[in-house]
Protein backbone atom coordinates (compact mmCIF):
# COMPACT_ATOMS: atom_id res chain seq x y z
CA MET A 1 8.26 -21.95 -8.02
CA ALA A 2 5.57 -19.30 -8.14
CA ASN A 3 5.48 -15.33 -7.83
CA VAL A 4 3.32 -13.85 -5.25
CA VAL A 5 1.74 -10.23 -5.68
CA VAL A 6 0.89 -8.23 -2.20
CA VAL A 7 -2.35 -6.51 -2.03
CA GLY A 8 -3.76 -4.67 0.43
CA ALA A 9 -7.76 -5.40 -0.12
CA GLN A 10 -9.25 -2.67 2.38
CA TRP A 11 -8.17 0.70 2.51
CA GLY A 12 -4.14 0.37 3.68
CA ASP A 13 -2.91 -0.48 7.15
CA GLU A 14 -3.41 -4.16 6.36
CA GLY A 15 0.21 -5.30 8.19
CA LYS A 16 1.61 -5.47 3.87
CA GLY A 17 5.13 -4.93 5.74
CA LYS A 18 4.65 -7.33 8.17
CA LEU A 19 3.22 -10.28 5.55
CA VAL A 20 5.48 -9.13 2.99
CA ASP A 21 8.62 -9.17 5.15
CA TRP A 22 7.63 -12.67 6.63
CA LEU A 23 7.33 -14.02 2.83
CA SER A 24 10.38 -12.53 1.65
CA GLU A 25 12.36 -15.12 3.29
CA ARG A 26 11.09 -17.59 0.80
CA ALA A 27 11.56 -15.06 -2.41
CA ASP A 28 14.65 -13.89 -3.85
CA VAL A 29 12.92 -10.65 -5.25
CA VAL A 30 11.07 -7.98 -3.80
CA ALA A 31 9.72 -5.50 -5.91
CA ARG A 32 7.28 -2.39 -5.00
CA PHE A 33 5.08 -1.94 -8.08
CA GLN A 34 3.03 1.04 -7.18
CA GLY A 35 2.38 3.86 -5.04
CA GLY A 36 5.14 6.52 -2.98
CA HIS A 37 6.44 7.47 -0.59
CA ASN A 38 2.96 7.47 1.48
CA ALA A 39 3.06 4.45 2.37
CA GLY A 40 3.66 3.46 5.32
CA HIS A 41 4.95 0.08 6.12
CA THR A 42 6.32 -1.14 9.82
CA LEU A 43 8.05 -4.41 10.22
CA VAL A 44 9.20 -5.43 13.91
CA ILE A 45 11.93 -7.82 13.67
CA ASP A 46 13.27 -9.29 16.73
CA GLY A 47 11.97 -6.62 19.34
CA GLU A 48 13.36 -3.80 16.79
CA VAL A 49 11.08 -1.62 14.43
CA PHE A 50 11.62 -0.56 11.41
CA LYS A 51 9.60 1.89 9.41
CA LEU A 52 9.66 2.01 5.49
CA HIS A 53 7.96 4.39 3.24
CA ALA A 54 9.87 3.87 -0.54
CA LEU A 55 11.95 1.18 0.52
CA PRO A 56 10.85 -2.37 -0.54
CA SER A 57 10.09 -4.61 2.75
CA GLY A 58 12.87 -7.33 1.74
CA VAL A 59 15.50 -4.51 2.23
CA VAL A 60 15.64 -5.90 6.24
CA ARG A 61 16.55 -9.19 5.51
CA GLY A 62 19.65 -10.40 4.26
CA GLY A 63 20.00 -11.81 0.78
CA LYS A 64 17.10 -10.49 -1.53
CA LEU A 65 17.19 -8.15 -4.08
CA SER A 66 14.98 -4.93 -3.46
CA VAL A 67 13.45 -3.16 -6.87
CA ILE A 68 11.74 -0.04 -7.20
CA GLY A 69 9.25 -0.50 -9.84
CA ASN A 70 8.46 2.38 -12.69
CA GLY A 71 4.62 2.31 -11.82
CA VAL A 72 6.26 3.79 -8.62
CA VAL A 73 6.56 7.73 -8.34
CA LEU A 74 9.83 8.38 -6.52
CA ASP A 75 10.55 11.28 -4.04
CA PRO A 76 14.56 10.66 -4.89
CA TRP A 77 15.97 12.89 -1.69
CA HIS A 78 13.35 11.21 0.31
CA LEU A 79 14.44 7.92 -0.53
CA LEU A 80 18.36 9.17 0.52
CA ASP A 81 17.14 9.75 4.10
CA GLU A 82 15.69 6.75 4.17
CA ILE A 83 18.02 4.76 3.10
CA ASP A 84 20.65 6.39 5.37
CA ALA A 85 18.05 6.31 8.43
CA ILE A 86 17.62 2.36 7.87
CA ARG A 87 21.46 1.71 7.50
CA ALA A 88 21.94 3.48 11.06
CA GLN A 89 19.41 0.51 11.89
CA GLY A 90 22.68 -2.07 10.68
CA VAL A 91 20.88 -2.75 7.75
CA SER A 92 22.98 -2.50 4.30
CA ILE A 93 21.96 -0.94 1.33
CA THR A 94 23.74 -1.22 -2.13
CA PRO A 95 23.51 -0.73 -5.23
CA GLU A 96 24.22 -4.99 -5.34
CA ASN A 97 20.67 -5.22 -2.87
CA LEU A 98 18.47 -2.38 -4.41
CA LEU A 99 17.92 -1.66 -8.31
CA ILE A 100 15.25 1.70 -9.72
CA ALA A 101 13.90 1.24 -12.13
CA GLU A 102 15.44 3.36 -15.33
CA ASN A 103 12.07 4.62 -15.92
CA THR A 104 10.56 5.56 -12.73
CA PRO A 105 9.43 9.15 -12.43
CA LEU A 106 10.44 11.19 -10.12
CA ILE A 107 8.50 13.57 -7.30
CA LEU A 108 9.57 16.86 -7.16
CA PRO A 109 9.57 19.46 -4.57
CA ILE A 110 7.21 21.49 -6.36
CA HIS A 111 5.00 18.11 -6.44
CA GLY A 112 4.59 18.77 -2.73
CA GLU A 113 3.76 22.36 -2.66
CA LEU A 114 1.35 21.90 -6.07
CA ASP A 115 -0.57 19.13 -3.60
CA ARG A 116 -0.32 20.45 -0.08
CA ALA A 117 -1.44 24.32 -2.09
CA ARG A 118 -4.66 22.36 -3.30
CA GLU A 119 -6.05 20.69 -0.41
CA ALA A 120 -5.56 24.09 1.75
CA GLN A 121 -7.64 25.46 -0.70
CA ASN A 122 -10.26 23.20 -1.50
CA ALA A 123 -13.65 24.25 0.08
CA VAL A 124 -15.80 21.99 -1.32
CA ALA A 125 -14.06 18.80 -0.71
CA LYS A 126 -11.03 17.84 0.77
CA ILE A 127 -9.39 14.48 -0.52
CA GLY A 128 -7.59 13.83 2.53
CA THR A 129 -4.21 13.41 0.77
CA THR A 130 -0.43 12.88 3.05
CA GLY A 131 0.25 16.12 1.07
CA ARG A 132 3.72 14.63 0.08
CA GLY A 133 3.02 15.37 -3.61
CA ILE A 134 1.93 11.53 -5.46
CA GLY A 135 -1.03 12.74 -7.12
CA PRO A 136 1.12 16.20 -9.28
CA ALA A 137 3.46 13.53 -9.88
CA TYR A 138 1.40 10.63 -11.19
CA GLU A 139 -0.61 14.02 -13.57
CA ASP A 140 3.06 15.03 -14.22
CA LYS A 141 3.73 10.82 -15.77
CA VAL A 142 0.20 10.78 -17.23
CA GLY A 143 0.65 14.52 -18.43
CA ARG A 144 4.06 13.07 -20.25
CA ARG A 145 6.21 16.17 -18.62
CA SER A 146 8.10 13.61 -15.80
CA ILE A 147 11.74 13.70 -14.95
CA ARG A 148 12.86 10.44 -14.89
CA VAL A 149 15.42 8.14 -13.38
CA ALA A 150 17.13 7.63 -16.72
CA ASP A 151 17.25 11.74 -17.20
CA LEU A 152 19.01 12.60 -14.28
CA GLY A 153 21.98 10.96 -16.26
CA ASP A 154 22.17 13.84 -19.23
CA ASN A 155 22.50 17.38 -18.30
CA ALA A 156 20.98 18.36 -21.86
CA THR A 157 17.79 16.23 -21.39
CA LEU A 158 16.89 16.73 -17.66
CA GLU A 159 17.37 20.46 -18.92
CA LEU A 160 14.59 20.03 -21.50
CA ARG A 161 12.40 17.93 -19.35
CA LEU A 162 12.43 20.15 -16.55
CA ASP A 163 11.62 23.20 -18.57
CA ARG A 164 8.53 21.26 -19.77
CA ALA A 165 7.26 20.66 -16.82
CA LEU A 166 7.56 24.46 -15.42
CA VAL A 167 5.67 26.08 -18.22
CA HIS A 168 2.65 24.02 -16.72
CA HIS A 169 3.72 24.06 -13.37
CA ASP A 170 4.13 27.71 -12.95
CA ALA A 171 0.75 28.39 -14.32
CA LEU A 172 -0.99 26.50 -11.62
CA ARG A 173 1.07 27.97 -9.26
CA ARG A 174 0.43 32.04 -10.46
CA GLY A 175 -3.39 30.80 -9.42
CA LEU A 176 -3.17 29.38 -6.66
CA GLY A 177 -0.71 32.15 -5.24
CA LEU A 178 1.90 31.24 -5.10
CA LYS A 179 5.56 32.15 -6.29
CA PRO A 180 7.26 30.97 -9.83
CA VAL A 181 9.92 27.94 -9.51
CA ASP A 182 13.05 28.62 -8.31
CA ARG A 183 14.31 27.19 -11.98
CA ALA A 184 18.42 27.29 -10.93
CA ALA A 185 17.87 25.70 -7.30
CA LEU A 186 15.73 23.17 -8.61
CA LEU A 187 18.40 22.33 -11.16
CA ALA A 188 20.79 22.31 -8.87
CA ALA A 189 19.23 19.89 -6.31
CA LEU A 190 18.63 17.87 -9.19
CA LYS A 191 22.36 17.57 -10.42
CA GLU A 192 23.53 16.87 -6.74
CA ILE A 193 21.68 14.42 -6.32
CA ALA A 194 21.60 12.32 -8.95
CA PRO A 195 25.42 10.41 -8.93
CA ARG A 196 23.35 8.70 -6.18
CA ILE A 197 20.52 7.88 -7.35
CA LEU A 198 21.92 7.00 -10.99
CA GLU A 199 24.06 4.37 -9.01
CA TYR A 200 20.86 2.15 -8.29
CA ALA A 201 19.47 2.87 -11.73
CA ALA A 202 18.84 -0.31 -14.39
CA PRO A 203 16.69 -2.05 -16.54
CA VAL A 204 14.12 -3.57 -14.25
CA TRP A 205 11.88 -4.90 -16.52
CA LYS A 206 15.30 -6.91 -17.93
CA ILE A 207 16.49 -7.81 -14.64
CA LEU A 208 13.05 -9.35 -13.35
CA ASN A 209 12.31 -11.11 -16.82
CA ASP A 210 16.18 -12.76 -16.67
CA ALA A 211 15.09 -13.76 -13.36
CA ARG A 212 12.12 -15.16 -13.87
CA LYS A 213 13.68 -17.56 -16.67
CA ARG A 214 16.03 -18.54 -14.06
CA GLY A 215 13.16 -19.80 -12.15
CA LYS A 216 13.89 -17.13 -9.28
CA ARG A 217 10.99 -15.96 -6.76
CA ILE A 218 9.42 -12.66 -7.20
CA LEU A 219 7.23 -11.39 -4.53
CA PHE A 220 5.56 -8.19 -5.95
CA GLU A 221 4.87 -5.04 -3.70
CA GLY A 222 1.90 -3.49 -3.38
CA ALA A 223 1.14 0.27 -0.97
CA GLN A 224 -1.91 1.37 0.05
CA GLY A 225 -4.84 -1.14 -0.53
CA ALA A 226 -7.39 -1.85 -2.85
CA LEU A 227 -10.44 0.67 -1.87
CA LEU A 228 -8.00 3.23 -3.00
CA ASP A 229 -7.41 2.19 -6.47
CA ILE A 230 -8.16 5.10 -8.44
CA ASP A 231 -10.49 3.00 -10.80
CA PHE A 232 -12.40 0.58 -8.50
CA GLY A 233 -11.35 2.68 -5.16
CA THR A 234 -14.43 5.13 -3.54
CA TYR A 235 -12.77 8.20 -6.14
CA PRO A 236 -12.35 10.48 -5.78
CA PHE A 237 -11.61 9.87 -2.11
CA VAL A 238 -8.30 7.64 -3.44
CA THR A 239 -4.92 7.17 -4.23
CA SER A 240 -3.58 8.23 -7.47
CA SER A 241 -2.51 5.04 -9.33
CA ASN A 242 -3.62 1.57 -9.62
CA VAL A 243 -3.50 -0.76 -6.52
CA ILE A 244 -5.06 -3.52 -7.74
CA ALA A 245 -2.94 -6.75 -8.89
CA GLY A 246 -2.55 -6.48 -12.45
CA GLN A 247 -0.50 -3.00 -11.89
CA ALA A 248 2.23 -5.91 -10.70
CA ALA A 249 2.68 -6.73 -13.83
CA THR A 250 3.06 -2.54 -15.75
CA GLY A 251 4.17 -1.07 -12.36
CA THR A 252 7.48 -3.74 -13.13
CA GLY A 253 7.38 -5.12 -16.67
CA LEU A 254 6.78 -8.34 -16.59
CA GLY A 255 3.38 -9.67 -18.24
CA PRO A 256 0.82 -10.86 -16.38
CA GLY A 257 1.48 -14.34 -16.84
CA ALA A 258 4.15 -13.80 -14.21
CA ILE A 259 1.55 -13.43 -11.46
CA ASP A 260 0.67 -17.14 -10.26
CA PHE A 261 -0.31 -16.24 -6.65
CA VAL A 262 -2.57 -12.87 -5.71
CA LEU A 263 -2.21 -12.69 -1.65
CA GLY A 264 -4.94 -10.04 -0.50
CA ILE A 265 -4.15 -8.27 3.05
CA VAL A 266 -7.33 -7.77 5.35
CA LYS A 267 -7.27 -6.52 8.68
CA ALA A 268 -9.64 -8.33 10.70
CA TYR A 269 -11.32 -5.50 11.11
CA THR A 270 -11.56 -2.50 8.88
CA THR A 271 -9.89 1.15 8.71
CA ARG A 272 -9.62 3.94 6.79
CA VAL A 273 -7.55 7.28 7.03
CA GLY A 274 -8.88 10.33 5.19
CA GLU A 275 -11.82 11.40 3.96
CA GLY A 276 -14.29 9.00 2.38
CA PRO A 277 -17.31 6.88 2.86
CA PHE A 278 -16.67 4.21 5.47
CA PRO A 279 -19.96 2.54 5.46
CA THR A 280 -19.37 0.32 8.94
CA GLU A 281 -17.70 2.89 10.76
CA LEU A 282 -18.54 3.43 14.57
CA ASP A 283 -18.53 6.36 16.68
CA ASP A 284 -18.74 4.41 19.90
CA GLU A 285 -16.81 2.67 22.79
CA HIS A 286 -16.27 -0.09 20.24
CA GLY A 287 -14.47 2.26 17.90
CA GLN A 288 -12.32 3.92 20.25
CA ARG A 289 -11.53 0.42 21.96
CA LEU A 290 -10.46 -1.31 18.02
CA GLY A 291 -7.90 1.62 17.65
CA GLU A 292 -6.82 2.04 20.93
CA ARG A 293 -6.23 -1.85 20.88
CA GLY A 294 -5.24 -1.60 17.41
CA HIS A 295 -2.69 1.23 17.97
CA GLU A 296 -4.65 2.50 14.73
CA PHE A 297 -1.87 5.68 13.75
CA GLY A 298 -0.92 6.46 10.12
CA THR A 299 3.07 4.98 9.71
CA THR A 300 3.38 8.12 7.51
CA THR A 301 1.23 10.64 8.53
CA GLY A 302 0.44 9.65 12.37
CA ARG A 303 -3.49 10.25 11.43
CA LYS A 304 -5.53 8.62 13.61
CA ARG A 305 -7.63 5.81 11.42
CA ARG A 306 -10.99 5.64 11.79
CA CYS A 307 -12.33 2.00 13.16
CA GLY A 308 -14.93 -0.27 12.50
CA TRP A 309 -16.69 -3.74 12.30
CA PHE A 310 -15.18 -6.05 9.11
CA ASP A 311 -17.09 -5.69 5.64
CA ALA A 312 -17.26 -8.45 4.14
CA VAL A 313 -18.67 -6.86 0.96
CA LEU A 314 -15.93 -4.66 0.60
CA VAL A 315 -13.27 -7.38 1.01
CA ARG A 316 -15.17 -9.66 -1.48
CA GLN A 317 -15.62 -7.19 -3.65
CA THR A 318 -11.47 -6.48 -3.92
CA CYS A 319 -10.84 -10.33 -3.49
CA ALA A 320 -12.66 -9.78 -7.10
CA THR A 321 -11.02 -7.33 -8.64
CA SER A 322 -7.72 -8.49 -7.87
CA GLY A 323 -8.23 -12.02 -8.73
CA VAL A 324 -7.34 -12.53 -4.94
CA ASN A 325 -6.01 -16.47 -5.04
CA GLY A 326 -6.08 -16.25 -0.47
CA ILE A 327 -5.69 -13.80 2.08
CA ALA A 328 -3.86 -13.01 5.01
CA LEU A 329 -6.26 -12.29 8.02
CA THR A 330 -4.27 -9.87 10.10
CA LYS A 331 -4.54 -8.23 13.72
CA LEU A 332 -6.85 -11.26 14.92
CA ASP A 333 -5.72 -10.45 18.61
CA VAL A 334 -7.21 -7.22 18.82
CA LEU A 335 -10.82 -8.35 18.86
CA ASP A 336 -9.59 -10.55 21.87
CA GLY A 337 -12.05 -9.87 24.24
CA PHE A 338 -14.99 -8.91 22.77
CA ASP A 339 -18.24 -10.24 23.72
CA GLU A 340 -19.81 -10.27 20.73
CA LEU A 341 -19.28 -9.37 16.86
CA LYS A 342 -20.54 -7.95 13.53
CA ILE A 343 -20.04 -8.71 10.73
CA CYS A 344 -21.48 -6.66 7.46
CA VAL A 345 -22.71 -8.95 4.86
CA ALA A 346 -25.15 -6.23 2.67
CA TYR A 347 -26.09 -3.44 2.29
CA GLU A 348 -29.74 -1.36 2.11
CA LEU A 349 -29.70 1.15 0.12
CA ASP A 350 -33.47 3.09 -0.49
CA GLY A 351 -35.16 0.19 1.02
CA LYS A 352 -33.13 -2.42 -1.58
CA ARG A 353 -30.24 -4.68 -0.70
CA LEU A 354 -27.14 -4.73 -1.93
CA ASP A 355 -24.46 -7.16 -2.38
CA HIS A 356 -21.12 -4.41 -3.57
CA LEU A 357 -20.44 -0.90 -2.96
CA PRO A 358 -22.01 0.93 -6.03
CA THR A 359 -19.60 3.29 -7.97
CA ALA A 360 -21.69 6.13 -7.36
CA ALA A 361 -20.16 9.01 -4.81
CA ASP A 362 -23.41 9.69 -3.24
CA GLN A 363 -25.09 6.43 -3.13
CA GLN A 364 -22.10 5.10 -1.51
CA ALA A 365 -22.70 7.33 1.86
CA ARG A 366 -26.05 6.33 1.59
CA CYS A 367 -24.89 2.96 1.74
CA VAL A 368 -26.52 1.12 5.78
CA PRO A 369 -24.46 -2.40 6.82
CA VAL A 370 -26.84 -4.94 7.15
CA TYR A 371 -24.61 -7.28 10.25
CA GLU A 372 -24.59 -10.90 10.85
CA THR A 373 -23.21 -10.76 15.25
CA ILE A 374 -21.61 -13.76 16.31
CA SER A 375 -19.89 -14.62 20.04
CA GLY A 376 -16.02 -13.52 20.16
CA TRP A 377 -14.07 -14.81 22.49
CA SER A 378 -12.38 -14.03 25.52
CA GLU A 379 -8.76 -16.14 25.19
CA SER A 380 -6.13 -14.39 23.57
CA THR A 381 -5.16 -15.16 20.57
CA GLU A 382 -1.70 -12.86 20.34
CA GLY A 383 1.19 -14.68 19.32
CA ALA A 384 -0.88 -17.79 17.95
CA ARG A 385 1.29 -19.71 15.85
CA SER A 386 -1.31 -22.90 14.49
CA TRP A 387 -4.87 -23.58 14.83
CA ALA A 388 -4.65 -25.33 17.40
CA ASP A 389 -3.23 -22.04 19.55
CA LEU A 390 -6.98 -20.18 18.43
CA PRO A 391 -9.59 -20.40 21.02
CA ALA A 392 -12.86 -21.46 19.14
CA ASN A 393 -14.88 -19.05 18.56
CA ALA A 394 -11.83 -17.08 16.37
CA ILE A 395 -11.62 -20.00 14.25
CA LYS A 396 -15.29 -19.55 14.01
CA TYR A 397 -14.78 -16.04 12.98
CA VAL A 398 -12.35 -16.78 10.41
CA ARG A 399 -14.51 -19.42 8.88
CA ARG A 400 -17.28 -17.22 8.46
CA ILE A 401 -15.16 -14.81 6.81
CA GLU A 402 -13.92 -17.28 4.11
CA GLU A 403 -17.69 -17.89 3.60
CA LEU A 404 -18.97 -14.45 3.12
CA ILE A 405 -15.62 -13.23 0.64
CA ASP A 406 -15.70 -16.53 -1.10
CA CYS A 407 -11.70 -16.90 -0.23
CA PRO A 408 -10.23 -18.67 1.78
CA ALA A 409 -7.50 -17.78 4.52
CA ALA A 410 -3.83 -18.99 3.44
CA LEU A 411 -2.51 -17.09 6.39
CA VAL A 412 -3.48 -15.63 9.78
CA SER A 413 -1.13 -12.94 11.87
CA THR A 414 -1.85 -12.69 15.68
CA SER A 415 0.80 -9.95 16.71
CA PRO A 416 3.25 -7.61 14.73
CA GLU A 417 6.05 -9.95 15.26
CA ARG A 418 6.80 -11.83 11.67
CA GLU A 419 7.34 -15.28 13.18
CA ASP A 420 3.77 -14.87 15.29
CA THR A 421 1.61 -16.06 11.92
CA ILE A 422 -0.55 -19.33 10.57
CA LEU A 423 0.52 -20.45 7.50
CA VAL A 424 -2.63 -22.79 5.77
CA THR A 425 -1.28 -22.70 2.11
CA ASP A 426 1.77 -21.43 1.22
CA PRO A 427 1.34 -18.68 -1.26
CA PHE A 428 5.53 -19.58 -2.68
CA VAL A 429 4.03 -23.39 -3.55
CA ASP A 430 2.99 -23.82 -7.57
């Protein structure tokens, strides 16, 4: 029995939620291993739409254990609101099917305030954050001043942790023209919420290791996409955590030997939310058409996504840095009706041809895509569940992508509905 890591292999919004939900049917445990509630996963099950941000996608499936790992930064107030909203849709969420790692750092209201104040005052180059405090919460984690889930269980420890954090935050707030933190109000809010969060707290590392020893299948769920990775993404226009597959081990407390298969989720074209380089971006009717047909608006922010042709250079790169064993190609149906499709196969930079995206930001901005043009298809691929249901040119498109990224397609998704999926290779079969 294999354990599977699911990562986005572009800039996020690749359709991870649907695929994790689809794969969770074969899993016993679903674990989130990084990011925060800036993630947005939309699931469509029997016509009902579930929008998840902090909760693992497995919560909508009965009989699965969902886990929020220590690699996540968690807004406890948002989590409880999200639990209430999903319960209102008829989904049971209890400490029997949802656990939070005791060493998970918390996102506090002061993190969101700091995030938004910085972005508003950044006249040099906006990062395009969601303003939800993700970055400042990760900064506090690295700075050893986080309040973690376990700290909620002891008032003396909680006050000590809070005082340590406020020494740092009040100094920052003065520089940004913000009022000092109301310590008493924040402490009271944390004490009020503590019992509801602590009922889900557990030594997740131990529970996952025990599950692995018993032969349980574990599905590791990432947020965002590999091109937003703090180390390997288009820095500084990135998220504040490691997004690539290796983080699944450190973000849950399992060793790297627990990972048997890495599934990279890849959209059949390219999108990006926020600032930063985007070599294949289309500012024409084709880009508009992709955005309209693909309903390209962020689940979390509602921001319109930038759209462009498929970039095989970038996906080949992210497949390498995450050790992807197979891709799940999503939104193939959005390309229905295009007479021609283009795939970026290389870049030109200052007269030289490159087979990868350079690290330097100024060079990234100057990269010009080199395209290969292939024939499109007029037939519909929406709802296809086997290769036989696909037009010949759609199959050629998928096969050409496999060649260019040097990685096979394990699944192909042809609509938001979970059953509209072509299974080529089952990642859970070791």
